[in-house]
N, C-alpha and C. Protein backbone atom coordinates (compact mmCIF):
# COMPACT_ATOMS: atom_id res chain seq x y z
N UNK A 1 -6.87 -15.06 12.83
CA UNK A 1 -7.66 -14.93 11.03
C UNK A 1 -7.45 -13.64 10.75
N UNK A 2 -7.66 -13.87 9.28
CA UNK A 2 -7.10 -12.28 8.61
C UNK A 2 -8.57 -11.94 7.46
N UNK A 3 -9.09 -11.35 8.33
CA UNK A 3 -10.20 -11.26 7.14
C UNK A 3 -9.74 -9.96 5.26
N UNK A 4 -9.56 -11.31 4.44
CA UNK A 4 -8.58 -11.46 3.16
C UNK A 4 -9.54 -10.85 2.62
N UNK A 5 -10.70 -10.59 2.30
CA UNK A 5 -12.26 -10.75 1.59
C UNK A 5 -13.57 -10.33 2.29
N UNK A 6 -14.71 -10.34 1.75
CA UNK A 6 -15.16 -9.54 2.98
C UNK A 6 -15.46 -11.00 3.29
N UNK A 7 -16.94 -11.11 4.72
CA UNK A 7 -16.66 -12.32 4.90
C UNK A 7 -18.03 -11.59 6.03
N UNK A 8 -18.87 -12.61 6.02
CA UNK A 8 -19.85 -12.53 7.49
C UNK A 8 -19.45 -12.99 8.16
N UNK A 9 -20.18 -12.72 10.07
CA UNK A 9 -19.60 -12.95 10.86
C UNK A 9 -19.63 -13.66 11.92
N UNK A 10 -20.08 -14.76 11.10
CA UNK A 10 -20.53 -16.38 11.92
C UNK A 10 -19.08 -16.60 10.67
N UNK A 11 -19.02 -16.68 9.97
CA UNK A 11 -17.35 -17.56 9.69
C UNK A 11 -16.17 -16.65 10.33
N UNK A 12 -16.81 -15.35 10.64
CA UNK A 12 -15.29 -14.96 12.15
C UNK A 12 -15.46 -15.11 13.05
N UNK A 13 -16.75 -15.75 13.57
CA UNK A 13 -16.65 -15.99 14.71
C UNK A 13 -16.10 -17.82 14.94
N UNK A 14 -16.31 -19.00 13.71
CA UNK A 14 -16.10 -20.13 13.21
C UNK A 14 -14.50 -19.69 13.38
N UNK A 15 -13.80 -18.91 12.66
CA UNK A 15 -11.95 -18.95 12.28
C UNK A 15 -11.46 -18.54 13.59
N UNK A 16 -12.51 -17.61 14.51
CA UNK A 16 -11.88 -17.39 15.30
C UNK A 16 -12.48 -18.11 17.05
N UNK A 17 -13.40 -19.25 17.05
CA UNK A 17 -13.44 -19.06 18.54
C UNK A 17 -14.17 -18.33 19.48
N UNK A 18 -14.46 -17.23 19.11
CA UNK A 18 -15.08 -16.14 19.80
C UNK A 18 -16.76 -16.10 19.27
N UNK A 19 -17.50 -16.67 20.18
CA UNK A 19 -18.68 -17.63 19.99
C UNK A 19 -19.85 -15.92 19.44
N UNK A 20 -20.04 -15.76 18.29
CA UNK A 20 -21.08 -15.32 17.69
C UNK A 20 -22.26 -14.34 18.50
N UNK A 21 -21.75 -13.61 19.96
CA UNK A 21 -22.68 -13.22 20.70
C UNK A 21 -22.02 -11.50 21.02
N UNK A 22 -22.80 -11.42 21.87
CA UNK A 22 -22.33 -9.45 22.92
C UNK A 22 -20.66 -9.26 21.99
N UNK A 23 -19.87 -9.91 22.77
CA UNK A 23 -18.38 -10.04 22.99
C UNK A 23 -17.90 -9.41 21.48
N UNK A 24 -18.31 -10.47 20.27
CA UNK A 24 -17.41 -10.38 18.90
C UNK A 24 -18.95 -9.39 18.56
N UNK A 25 -19.17 -9.07 18.76
CA UNK A 25 -20.64 -7.95 18.44
C UNK A 25 -19.28 -6.69 18.63
N UNK A 26 -19.12 -6.67 19.92
CA UNK A 26 -18.82 -5.59 20.43
C UNK A 26 -17.22 -5.46 20.07
N UNK A 27 -15.94 -6.28 19.35
CA UNK A 27 -14.65 -6.34 18.81
C UNK A 27 -15.48 -5.95 17.56
N UNK A 28 -16.00 -6.65 16.94
CA UNK A 28 -16.28 -5.54 15.43
C UNK A 28 -16.51 -4.42 15.31
N UNK A 29 -16.93 -3.56 15.86
CA UNK A 29 -17.40 -2.81 16.41
C UNK A 29 -16.87 -1.78 16.59
N UNK A 30 -15.83 -2.44 17.73
CA UNK A 30 -14.24 -1.30 17.74
C UNK A 30 -13.38 -1.51 16.44
N UNK A 31 -13.05 -2.29 15.89
CA UNK A 31 -12.29 -2.29 15.29
C UNK A 31 -13.00 -1.41 13.86
N UNK A 32 -14.00 -2.00 14.03
CA UNK A 32 -14.87 -0.61 12.90
C UNK A 32 -14.79 0.69 12.87
N UNK A 33 -14.69 1.10 14.43
CA UNK A 33 -15.29 2.94 15.01
C UNK A 33 -13.67 2.97 14.98
N UNK A 34 -12.83 2.25 15.03
CA UNK A 34 -11.15 2.77 14.44
C UNK A 34 -10.45 2.44 13.04
N UNK A 35 -11.54 2.02 11.93
CA UNK A 35 -11.05 2.03 10.52
C UNK A 35 -10.41 0.54 10.38
N UNK A 36 -10.30 -0.19 11.37
CA UNK A 36 -9.18 -1.35 11.06
C UNK A 36 -10.22 -2.38 9.86
N UNK A 37 -11.21 -1.86 10.26
CA UNK A 37 -12.44 -3.44 9.47
C UNK A 37 -13.71 -1.90 8.74
N UNK A 38 -14.24 -2.43 8.04
CA UNK A 38 -15.49 -1.93 7.20
C UNK A 38 -16.51 -2.48 7.17
N UNK A 39 -17.55 -2.18 7.32
CA UNK A 39 -19.25 -2.97 7.71
C UNK A 39 -19.43 -2.54 6.41
N UNK A 40 -20.25 -4.09 6.33
CA UNK A 40 -21.04 -3.19 4.51
C UNK A 40 -22.62 -3.69 4.98
N UNK A 41 -23.52 -3.50 4.80
CA UNK A 41 -25.44 -4.17 4.42
C UNK A 41 -24.90 -6.09 3.20
N UNK A 42 -24.86 -5.94 2.70
CA UNK A 42 -25.30 -7.29 1.61
C UNK A 42 -26.84 -7.23 1.28
N UNK A 43 -26.46 -6.36 0.21
CA UNK A 43 -27.08 -6.78 -1.03
C UNK A 43 -28.67 -7.81 -1.04
N UNK A 44 -29.71 -7.68 -0.73
CA UNK A 44 -30.95 -8.50 -1.01
C UNK A 44 -31.19 -9.06 0.09
N UNK A 45 -30.49 -9.09 1.42
CA UNK A 45 -30.56 -9.78 3.19
C UNK A 45 -30.82 -9.05 3.96
N UNK A 46 -31.44 -8.75 4.79
CA UNK A 46 -31.55 -7.22 5.76
C UNK A 46 -30.74 -7.90 7.24
N UNK A 47 -30.43 -7.16 7.58
CA UNK A 47 -30.14 -6.87 8.50
C UNK A 47 -28.76 -8.13 8.55
N UNK A 48 -28.39 -8.22 7.10
CA UNK A 48 -26.85 -9.37 7.52
C UNK A 48 -25.53 -8.32 6.85
N UNK A 49 -24.94 -8.18 7.69
CA UNK A 49 -23.25 -7.42 6.84
C UNK A 49 -22.57 -8.44 6.84
N UNK A 50 -21.89 -7.72 6.28
CA UNK A 50 -20.48 -8.57 5.42
C UNK A 50 -18.80 -7.01 5.58
N UNK A 51 -17.67 -7.78 6.29
CA UNK A 51 -17.14 -7.69 7.11
C UNK A 51 -15.59 -6.82 6.50
N UNK A 52 -14.69 -6.01 6.41
CA UNK A 52 -13.59 -6.53 5.37
C UNK A 52 -12.46 -5.62 5.93
N UNK A 53 -10.99 -6.32 5.91
CA UNK A 53 -10.18 -5.41 6.76
C UNK A 53 -9.47 -4.55 5.41
N UNK A 54 -9.55 -3.58 5.93
CA UNK A 54 -9.48 -2.34 5.40
C UNK A 54 -7.76 -1.05 6.03
N UNK A 55 -8.15 -1.32 7.09
CA UNK A 55 -6.57 -0.69 7.47
C UNK A 55 -5.89 -0.82 6.27
N UNK A 56 -4.68 -0.07 5.94
CA UNK A 56 -3.66 -1.12 4.33
C UNK A 56 -3.00 -1.48 5.11
N UNK A 57 -2.54 -0.29 5.90
CA UNK A 57 -1.15 -0.89 6.75
C UNK A 57 -0.87 -2.53 7.19
N UNK A 58 -2.26 -3.14 7.91
CA UNK A 58 -2.83 -3.59 8.42
C UNK A 58 -2.71 -5.30 7.04
N UNK A 59 -2.90 -4.80 5.97
CA UNK A 59 -3.08 -5.75 5.23
C UNK A 59 -1.93 -5.84 4.51
N UNK A 60 -0.76 -5.07 4.39
CA UNK A 60 0.21 -4.82 3.89
C UNK A 60 1.05 -5.95 4.72
N UNK A 61 1.24 -5.16 6.13
CA UNK A 61 1.42 -6.24 6.92
C UNK A 61 1.66 -7.92 7.00
N UNK A 62 0.03 -8.29 6.70
CA UNK A 62 -0.01 -9.27 7.04
C UNK A 62 0.39 -10.38 5.37
N UNK A 63 0.62 -9.67 4.91
CA UNK A 63 0.35 -10.23 3.29
C UNK A 63 2.23 -10.37 3.33
N UNK A 64 2.64 -9.57 3.88
CA UNK A 64 3.73 -9.01 3.16
C UNK A 64 5.35 -9.40 4.04
N UNK A 65 4.56 -9.01 5.34
CA UNK A 65 5.68 -8.74 6.01
C UNK A 65 6.37 -9.65 6.98
N UNK A 66 5.13 -10.40 7.19
CA UNK A 66 4.88 -11.09 8.79
C UNK A 66 6.33 -12.19 8.62
N UNK A 67 5.41 -12.82 7.16
CA UNK A 67 6.43 -13.99 7.52
C UNK A 67 7.89 -14.14 6.48
N UNK A 68 8.11 -13.09 6.45
CA UNK A 68 8.76 -12.23 5.33
C UNK A 68 10.24 -11.35 6.22
N UNK A 69 11.20 -11.63 6.94
CA UNK A 69 12.32 -11.16 7.01
C UNK A 69 13.32 -10.79 6.03
N UNK A 70 13.51 -10.90 5.40
CA UNK A 70 14.79 -11.75 4.52
C UNK A 70 14.90 -9.72 3.61
N UNK A 71 15.79 -9.12 3.77
CA UNK A 71 15.83 -7.70 3.96
C UNK A 71 15.22 -7.60 2.36
N UNK A 72 15.56 -8.09 1.09
CA UNK A 72 15.11 -7.92 0.06
C UNK A 72 14.21 -8.86 -0.29
N UNK A 73 13.36 -9.28 -0.02
CA UNK A 73 12.40 -9.60 -0.18
C UNK A 73 11.34 -9.02 -1.47
N UNK A 74 10.82 -8.35 -0.89
CA UNK A 74 10.59 -7.74 -1.58
C UNK A 74 10.93 -6.93 -3.23
N UNK A 75 11.74 -6.95 -3.53
CA UNK A 75 12.30 -6.21 -4.85
C UNK A 75 12.95 -8.05 -5.47
N UNK A 76 12.88 -8.70 -4.79
CA UNK A 76 13.15 -9.85 -5.48
C UNK A 76 11.62 -10.72 -5.71
N UNK A 77 10.80 -10.15 -5.15
CA UNK A 77 9.14 -10.53 -5.95
C UNK A 77 8.86 -9.68 -6.43
N UNK A 78 8.95 -8.66 -7.02
CA UNK A 78 8.36 -7.70 -7.52
C UNK A 78 7.27 -7.84 -8.98
N UNK A 79 8.25 -9.17 -9.36
CA UNK A 79 6.70 -9.43 -10.65
C UNK A 79 6.20 -10.89 -10.35
N UNK A 80 6.39 -11.05 -9.11
CA UNK A 80 5.36 -12.37 -8.83
C UNK A 80 4.07 -12.43 -9.14
N UNK A 81 3.14 -13.88 -9.40
CA UNK A 81 2.19 -13.86 -8.79
C UNK A 81 1.22 -12.99 -7.78
N UNK A 82 2.05 -13.37 -6.18
CA UNK A 82 0.93 -12.74 -5.35
C UNK A 82 1.11 -11.69 -5.32
N UNK A 83 2.29 -10.50 -5.35
CA UNK A 83 2.34 -8.99 -5.74
C UNK A 83 1.86 -8.75 -7.07
N UNK A 84 0.87 -9.26 -7.96
CA UNK A 84 0.01 -8.53 -8.67
C UNK A 84 -1.13 -8.45 -8.21
N UNK A 85 -1.33 -9.84 -7.43
CA UNK A 85 -2.61 -10.19 -7.22
C UNK A 85 -2.85 -9.57 -5.78
N UNK A 86 -2.24 -8.90 -5.26
CA UNK A 86 -2.22 -8.12 -4.76
C UNK A 86 -2.81 -6.41 -5.18
N UNK A 87 -1.89 -5.86 -5.98
CA UNK A 87 -2.01 -5.25 -6.17
C UNK A 87 -3.59 -5.01 -6.71
N UNK A 88 -4.27 -5.71 -7.46
CA UNK A 88 -5.29 -5.25 -7.92
C UNK A 88 -6.30 -5.04 -6.94
N UNK A 89 -6.05 -6.43 -5.43
CA UNK A 89 -6.51 -6.07 -4.11
C UNK A 89 -6.48 -4.59 -3.43
N UNK A 90 -5.10 -3.38 -3.82
CA UNK A 90 -4.89 -2.46 -2.79
C UNK A 90 -5.25 -1.70 -3.90
N UNK A 91 -5.81 -1.56 -5.02
CA UNK A 91 -6.95 -0.56 -5.50
C UNK A 91 -8.05 -0.81 -5.14
N UNK A 92 -8.67 -2.42 -5.29
CA UNK A 92 -10.20 -2.30 -4.17
C UNK A 92 -10.27 -1.56 -3.29
N UNK A 93 -9.21 -1.80 -2.61
CA UNK A 93 -9.65 -0.67 -1.45
C UNK A 93 -9.70 0.30 -1.27
N UNK A 94 -8.35 0.99 -2.44
CA UNK A 94 -8.69 2.48 -2.01
C UNK A 94 -9.81 2.86 -3.30
N UNK A 95 -11.00 2.26 -3.80
CA UNK A 95 -11.93 2.64 -4.54
C UNK A 95 -12.61 2.62 -3.38
N UNK A 96 -13.13 2.02 -2.44
CA UNK A 96 -14.05 1.81 -1.35
C UNK A 96 -13.48 2.40 -0.87
N UNK A 97 -12.50 2.77 -0.30
CA UNK A 97 -12.02 4.31 0.12
C UNK A 97 -12.91 5.57 -0.15
N UNK A 98 -12.95 5.75 -1.46
CA UNK A 98 -13.33 6.99 -2.35
C UNK A 98 -14.64 6.84 -2.77
N UNK A 99 -15.67 6.50 -1.90
CA UNK A 99 -17.00 6.15 -2.51
C UNK A 99 -17.87 7.29 -2.93
N UNK A 100 -17.51 8.60 -2.06
CA UNK A 100 -18.40 10.00 -2.48
C UNK A 100 -17.68 10.29 -3.63
N UNK A 101 -16.07 9.84 -4.10
CA UNK A 101 -15.68 10.79 -5.16
C UNK A 101 -16.26 9.69 -6.63
N UNK A 102 -16.77 8.76 -5.90
CA UNK A 102 -17.25 7.29 -7.43
C UNK A 102 -18.53 8.22 -7.81
N UNK A 103 -19.39 8.43 -6.39
CA UNK A 103 -20.29 9.09 -6.52
C UNK A 103 -20.70 9.88 -6.87
N UNK A 104 -20.02 10.84 -7.36
CA UNK A 104 -19.60 12.86 -7.27
C UNK A 104 -19.47 12.29 -8.95
N UNK A 105 -18.38 11.45 -9.10
CA UNK A 105 -17.96 10.66 -10.83
C UNK A 105 -18.80 10.59 -11.71
N UNK A 106 -19.99 9.96 -10.97
CA UNK A 106 -21.56 9.27 -11.53
C UNK A 106 -22.47 9.95 -11.23
N UNK A 107 -22.15 11.40 -10.90
CA UNK A 107 -23.08 12.55 -10.97
C UNK A 107 -24.30 12.39 -9.83
N UNK A 108 -24.29 11.60 -9.42
CA UNK A 108 -25.32 11.44 -8.02
C UNK A 108 -26.06 12.10 -7.71
N UNK A 109 -26.70 12.62 -6.87
CA UNK A 109 -27.06 13.55 -7.14
C UNK A 109 -28.70 13.36 -5.78
N UNK A 110 -28.64 12.09 -5.75
CA UNK A 110 -30.06 11.82 -4.92
C UNK A 110 -29.60 10.69 -3.95
N UNK A 111 -30.42 10.49 -2.38
CA UNK A 111 -29.97 9.59 -1.78
C UNK A 111 -29.52 8.23 -2.35
N UNK A 112 -28.53 7.46 -1.67
CA UNK A 112 -27.79 6.48 -1.66
C UNK A 112 -26.78 5.43 -0.41
N UNK A 113 -27.19 4.16 -0.99
CA UNK A 113 -26.21 3.72 -0.03
C UNK A 113 -25.92 2.86 -1.10
N UNK A 114 -23.97 2.06 -0.06
CA UNK A 114 -23.64 2.07 -0.69
C UNK A 114 -23.77 -0.31 0.21
N UNK A 115 -23.51 -0.66 -1.14
CA UNK A 115 -24.03 -2.68 0.00
C UNK A 115 -22.19 -3.15 -0.98
N UNK A 116 -22.40 -4.73 -0.76
CA UNK A 116 -21.64 -5.31 -1.93
C UNK A 116 -22.88 -6.86 -1.72
N UNK A 117 -21.92 -7.64 -2.35
CA UNK A 117 -22.40 -8.60 -2.42
C UNK A 117 -22.06 -10.29 -2.65
N UNK A 118 -21.92 -10.99 -1.90
CA UNK A 118 -20.93 -12.59 -2.27
C UNK A 118 -22.25 -12.91 -2.16
N UNK A 119 -21.74 -14.69 -2.84
CA UNK A 119 -22.85 -16.16 -2.39
C UNK A 119 -22.20 -17.56 -3.23
N UNK A 120 -21.90 -18.18 -3.18
CA UNK A 120 -21.67 -18.83 -3.32
C UNK A 120 -22.76 -20.29 -4.32
N UNK A 121 -22.40 -20.71 -5.40
CA UNK A 121 -23.74 -21.55 -5.42
C UNK A 121 -23.01 -22.33 -6.25
N UNK A 122 -21.77 -24.01 -5.49
CA UNK A 122 -21.98 -24.76 -5.79
C UNK A 122 -21.09 -24.98 -6.15
N UNK A 123 -20.24 -24.91 -8.07
CA UNK A 123 -18.98 -24.00 -8.56
C UNK A 123 -19.06 -22.57 -8.56
N UNK A 124 -19.45 -22.06 -8.63
CA UNK A 124 -20.11 -20.53 -9.01
C UNK A 124 -19.75 -19.97 -8.23
N UNK A 125 -18.66 -18.83 -7.60
CA UNK A 125 -18.89 -17.11 -6.70
C UNK A 125 -19.57 -16.71 -7.94
N UNK A 126 -20.49 -15.61 -7.18
CA UNK A 126 -20.57 -14.72 -7.09
C UNK A 126 -19.79 -13.82 -6.61
N UNK A 127 -19.25 -11.93 -6.59
CA UNK A 127 -19.25 -11.29 -6.14
C UNK A 127 -19.26 -10.46 -6.51
N UNK A 128 -20.24 -9.27 -5.98
CA UNK A 128 -19.83 -7.84 -6.32
C UNK A 128 -18.96 -7.00 -5.72
N UNK A 129 -18.01 -6.34 -6.02
CA UNK A 129 -17.43 -5.48 -5.40
C UNK A 129 -18.11 -4.19 -4.30
N UNK A 130 -19.21 -3.05 -5.47
CA UNK A 130 -19.48 -2.16 -4.49
C UNK A 130 -20.73 -2.35 -5.38
N UNK A 131 -22.45 -1.44 -4.79
CA UNK A 131 -23.16 -1.72 -5.73
C UNK A 131 -23.29 -0.32 -4.66
N UNK A 132 -24.66 0.62 -5.88
CA UNK A 132 -24.91 1.90 -5.58
C UNK A 132 -26.14 1.94 -5.32
N UNK A 133 -27.25 1.46 -4.92
CA UNK A 133 -28.24 1.15 -4.54
C UNK A 133 -28.87 2.73 -4.68
N UNK A 134 -29.29 3.38 -5.27
CA UNK A 134 -29.88 4.11 -5.36
C UNK A 134 -31.47 4.59 -5.33
N UNK A 135 -31.91 6.69 -5.09
CA UNK A 135 -33.46 6.68 -4.77
C UNK A 135 -34.19 7.14 -6.12
N UNK A 136 -33.21 7.02 -7.26
CA UNK A 136 -34.06 7.27 -8.39
C UNK A 136 -34.18 5.88 -9.38
N UNK A 137 -34.02 5.00 -9.10
CA UNK A 137 -34.49 3.33 -9.35
C UNK A 137 -32.76 3.53 -9.69
N UNK A 138 -31.86 3.53 -9.61
CA UNK A 138 -30.72 3.18 -10.60
C UNK A 138 -30.02 2.50 -9.92
N UNK A 139 -29.72 1.81 -9.37
CA UNK A 139 -28.25 0.41 -9.51
C UNK A 139 -27.55 0.68 -9.99
N UNK A 140 -26.22 1.11 -9.18
CA UNK A 140 -25.07 1.29 -9.59
C UNK A 140 -24.62 -0.32 -9.48
N UNK A 141 -23.84 -1.47 -10.30
CA UNK A 141 -22.65 -2.44 -10.02
C UNK A 141 -21.70 -2.16 -10.74
N UNK A 142 -20.52 -1.96 -9.27
CA UNK A 142 -19.59 -1.72 -9.94
C UNK A 142 -18.76 -2.96 -9.77
N UNK A 143 -17.48 -2.50 -10.82
CA UNK A 143 -16.24 -3.98 -10.86
C UNK A 143 -15.72 -3.35 -10.62
N UNK A 144 -14.03 -3.01 -10.08
CA UNK A 144 -13.45 -2.85 -10.38
C UNK A 144 -11.79 -3.39 -10.76
N UNK A 145 -10.65 -3.08 -11.29
CA UNK A 145 -10.19 -3.75 -12.21
C UNK A 145 -9.07 -2.85 -12.35
N UNK A 146 -7.96 -3.19 -11.26
CA UNK A 146 -6.59 -2.77 -11.80
C UNK A 146 -5.65 -3.46 -12.96
N UNK A 147 -4.74 -2.85 -13.24
CA UNK A 147 -4.73 -2.60 -14.69
C UNK A 147 -3.15 -2.42 -15.31
N UNK A 148 -2.40 -2.65 -15.40
CA UNK A 148 -1.53 -1.29 -15.96
C UNK A 148 -1.71 -0.35 -16.98
N UNK A 149 -2.22 -1.16 -18.07
CA UNK A 149 -2.62 -0.60 -19.12
C UNK A 149 -4.32 -0.60 -19.09
N UNK A 150 -5.01 0.07 -20.47
CA UNK A 150 -6.17 0.44 -20.36
C UNK A 150 -6.93 -1.76 -20.96
N UNK A 151 -7.66 -1.20 -20.05
CA UNK A 151 -8.57 -2.36 -19.57
C UNK A 151 -9.28 -3.07 -20.91
N UNK A 152 -9.27 -4.21 -20.92
CA UNK A 152 -9.47 -4.97 -22.49
C UNK A 152 -10.54 -6.49 -21.48
N UNK A 153 -11.78 -5.85 -22.38
CA UNK A 153 -13.53 -6.42 -21.82
C UNK A 153 -12.58 -7.97 -23.19
N UNK A 154 -12.66 -8.86 -22.99
CA UNK A 154 -13.12 -10.17 -24.21
C UNK A 154 -14.49 -10.39 -24.01
N UNK A 155 -14.66 -11.32 -24.70
CA UNK A 155 -16.11 -12.40 -24.70
C UNK A 155 -15.93 -13.35 -23.46
N UNK A 156 -15.46 -13.81 -22.70
CA UNK A 156 -15.28 -14.06 -21.26
C UNK A 156 -15.98 -13.15 -20.28
N UNK A 157 -14.60 -12.12 -20.51
CA UNK A 157 -15.32 -11.69 -19.32
C UNK A 157 -16.82 -10.76 -19.16
N UNK A 158 -17.09 -10.92 -20.62
CA UNK A 158 -18.37 -10.00 -20.53
C UNK A 158 -19.49 -10.94 -20.23
N UNK A 159 -18.86 -12.46 -20.60
CA UNK A 159 -19.89 -13.10 -20.34
C UNK A 159 -20.09 -13.60 -18.29
N UNK A 160 -18.59 -13.18 -18.02
CA UNK A 160 -19.13 -13.10 -16.07
C UNK A 160 -19.89 -11.49 -16.13
N UNK A 161 -19.35 -10.42 -16.54
CA UNK A 161 -20.23 -9.48 -15.75
C UNK A 161 -21.80 -9.35 -16.63
N UNK A 162 -22.11 -10.03 -17.33
CA UNK A 162 -23.79 -10.31 -17.85
C UNK A 162 -24.29 -10.95 -17.18
N UNK A 163 -23.46 -12.60 -15.83
CA UNK A 163 -23.95 -12.95 -15.12
C UNK A 163 -24.50 -11.87 -13.54
N UNK A 164 -23.60 -11.54 -13.91
CA UNK A 164 -23.67 -10.38 -12.22
C UNK A 164 -24.69 -10.00 -12.32
N UNK A 165 -25.14 -9.08 -13.96
CA UNK A 165 -26.18 -8.41 -13.31
C UNK A 165 -27.91 -8.94 -13.45
N UNK A 166 -27.18 -10.37 -13.89
CA UNK A 166 -28.42 -11.16 -13.60
C UNK A 166 -28.61 -11.76 -12.45
N UNK A 167 -27.71 -11.69 -12.05
CA UNK A 167 -27.81 -12.57 -10.30
C UNK A 167 -28.02 -10.89 -9.66
N UNK A 168 -27.99 -9.73 -9.64
CA UNK A 168 -28.54 -8.66 -8.85
C UNK A 168 -29.76 -7.98 -9.61
N UNK A 169 -30.43 -8.61 -10.60
CA UNK A 169 -31.47 -8.42 -11.33
C UNK A 169 -32.27 -9.30 -10.34
N UNK A 170 -32.06 -10.21 -9.94
CA UNK A 170 -32.82 -10.35 -8.42
C UNK A 170 -33.00 -10.17 -7.46
N UNK A 171 -32.21 -9.44 -6.75
CA UNK A 171 -31.94 -8.75 -5.52
C UNK A 171 -32.83 -7.15 -5.77
N UNK A 172 -32.97 -6.66 -6.97
CA UNK A 172 -34.00 -6.12 -6.98
C UNK A 172 -35.20 -5.62 -7.70
N UNK A 173 -36.38 -4.53 -7.37
CA UNK A 173 -36.85 -4.41 -8.03
C UNK A 173 -36.97 -4.07 -9.27
N UNK A 174 -38.17 -4.57 -10.53
CA UNK A 174 -38.53 -3.74 -11.47
C UNK A 174 -38.37 -3.01 -11.85
N UNK A 175 -38.60 -2.13 -11.31
CA UNK A 175 -38.61 -0.22 -11.80
C UNK A 175 -37.15 0.08 -11.65
N UNK A 176 -36.06 -0.85 -11.32
CA UNK A 176 -35.02 -0.24 -10.89
C UNK A 176 -33.73 -1.58 -12.32
N UNK A 177 -33.33 -0.05 -12.38
CA UNK A 177 -32.37 -0.41 -13.79
C UNK A 177 -30.95 -0.46 -13.52
N UNK A 178 -30.52 -1.41 -13.82
CA UNK A 178 -28.82 -1.72 -13.13
C UNK A 178 -28.18 -1.03 -14.66
N UNK A 179 -27.01 0.12 -14.03
CA UNK A 179 -25.80 0.34 -14.12
C UNK A 179 -24.57 -0.37 -14.23
N UNK A 180 -23.98 -0.79 -15.44
CA UNK A 180 -22.39 -1.73 -15.03
C UNK A 180 -21.85 -0.61 -15.60
N UNK A 181 -20.53 -0.29 -13.77
CA UNK A 181 -20.26 0.66 -14.19
C UNK A 181 -19.12 -0.37 -14.12
N UNK A 182 -17.32 0.72 -14.97
CA UNK A 182 -16.21 0.21 -14.57
C UNK A 182 -15.41 0.84 -14.13
N UNK A 183 -14.49 0.56 -12.75
CA UNK A 183 -13.52 1.15 -12.48
C UNK A 183 -12.62 0.82 -12.58
N UNK A 184 -11.66 1.51 -13.18
CA UNK A 184 -10.32 0.98 -13.76
C UNK A 184 -9.14 2.14 -13.02
N UNK A 185 -7.59 1.97 -14.02
CA UNK A 185 -7.17 2.36 -13.26
C UNK A 185 -6.54 3.47 -14.65
N UNK A 186 -7.14 2.92 -15.80
CA UNK A 186 -6.54 3.43 -17.61
C UNK A 186 -7.91 3.22 -18.41
N UNK A 187 -8.93 3.19 -18.08
CA UNK A 187 -9.78 3.80 -18.39
C UNK A 187 -10.01 1.85 -19.31
N UNK A 188 -10.72 1.75 -20.70
CA UNK A 188 -11.53 0.92 -21.28
C UNK A 188 -10.45 0.27 -22.78
N UNK A 189 -10.13 -0.35 -22.98
CA UNK A 189 -9.93 0.33 -24.43
C UNK A 189 -10.74 -1.00 -25.74
N UNK A 190 -10.60 0.60 -26.27
CA UNK A 190 -11.85 0.23 -27.37
C UNK A 190 -12.16 -0.98 -28.04
N UNK A 191 -12.92 -1.71 -27.72
CA UNK A 191 -13.04 -2.99 -28.62
C UNK A 191 -14.94 -3.84 -28.69
N UNK A 192 -14.82 -4.59 -29.01
CA UNK A 192 -16.82 -4.86 -29.46
C UNK A 192 -17.60 -5.42 -28.58
N UNK A 193 -17.19 -5.73 -27.60
CA UNK A 193 -17.35 -6.08 -26.53
C UNK A 193 -17.21 -5.16 -24.68
N UNK A 194 -17.57 -3.95 -25.54
CA UNK A 194 -17.52 -2.91 -24.67
C UNK A 194 -18.89 -2.07 -24.06
N UNK A 195 -20.14 -2.72 -25.13
CA UNK A 195 -21.48 -2.08 -25.04
C UNK A 195 -22.21 -2.01 -23.45
N UNK A 196 -21.28 -3.60 -23.04
CA UNK A 196 -22.36 -3.70 -21.54
C UNK A 196 -21.97 -2.92 -20.89
N UNK A 197 -20.85 -2.05 -20.74
CA UNK A 197 -20.37 -0.90 -19.85
C UNK A 197 -21.45 0.53 -20.37
N UNK A 198 -22.01 0.96 -19.35
CA UNK A 198 -23.32 1.84 -19.02
C UNK A 198 -21.69 2.79 -18.48
N UNK A 199 -21.14 2.98 -17.65
CA UNK A 199 -20.08 4.30 -16.98
C UNK A 199 -18.75 3.65 -17.15
N UNK A 200 -17.85 4.38 -17.12
CA UNK A 200 -16.28 4.33 -17.05
C UNK A 200 -15.36 5.29 -16.73
N UNK A 201 -15.25 4.47 -14.83
CA UNK A 201 -14.40 5.34 -14.24
C UNK A 201 -12.84 5.69 -14.38
N UNK A 202 -11.93 5.65 -14.02
CA UNK A 202 -10.54 5.86 -13.38
C UNK A 202 -10.29 6.93 -11.86
N UNK A 203 -8.46 5.75 -12.52
CA UNK A 203 -8.45 6.60 -11.23
C UNK A 203 -8.37 8.44 -10.62
N UNK A 204 -7.95 8.67 -12.15
CA UNK A 204 -8.37 10.06 -11.38
C UNK A 204 -9.40 10.76 -11.07
N UNK A 205 -10.39 9.60 -11.05
CA UNK A 205 -12.29 10.30 -11.09
C UNK A 205 -12.04 10.23 -9.14
N UNK A 206 -10.82 9.15 -8.16
CA UNK A 206 -10.87 9.05 -6.83
C UNK A 206 -10.52 9.98 -6.41
N UNK A 207 -9.83 11.06 -7.08
CA UNK A 207 -9.41 12.40 -6.00
C UNK A 207 -10.12 13.33 -6.50
N UNK A 208 -11.54 13.63 -6.86
CA UNK A 208 -11.75 14.89 -7.21
C UNK A 208 -12.39 14.98 -6.18
N UNK A 209 -12.90 16.57 -5.71
CA UNK A 209 -12.43 17.24 -5.12
C UNK A 209 -13.89 17.23 -4.44
């Protein structure tokens, strides 16, 4: 079983057949201490954490190397849907490995905690890549998107972002203000739907010293 996306401990137990007891907790803690996986609090759910495979080579191996032994596989599949999906996932991982730099680029000078959120509600699935809950009553809802050009926000995507803000507002207090933060490779293309975005960061911001 490979943890491609954020996943609960109960789901890991079901997928591996390992009972959700002390042994599984020890295995997960060991993997976390070795930086093979990351563990995040789930926003709005106390004592409920989410796991994610974070070792970049392990991710690449299971996605592209384990079942593909042909010599020219990568060059022959450079622009297929699987590879394009991988670039988005890889960029998201890079961002999650640079949370300190993201906070620095957002000029966060107060105590803060990073978390994530996932919920399946019938046919609709809500997933928030990164949430930064700050002591100054601001919550950064971070949306991470890879693109080979400035990212375009259209009316459909604007609606999805509004839905995510609505969901997050049910998990925060009335005193907290939700700031929607886009993290993209090359910024956002100017457009009429951009007003929903409070802050825009790019790939360069991840490498602030």
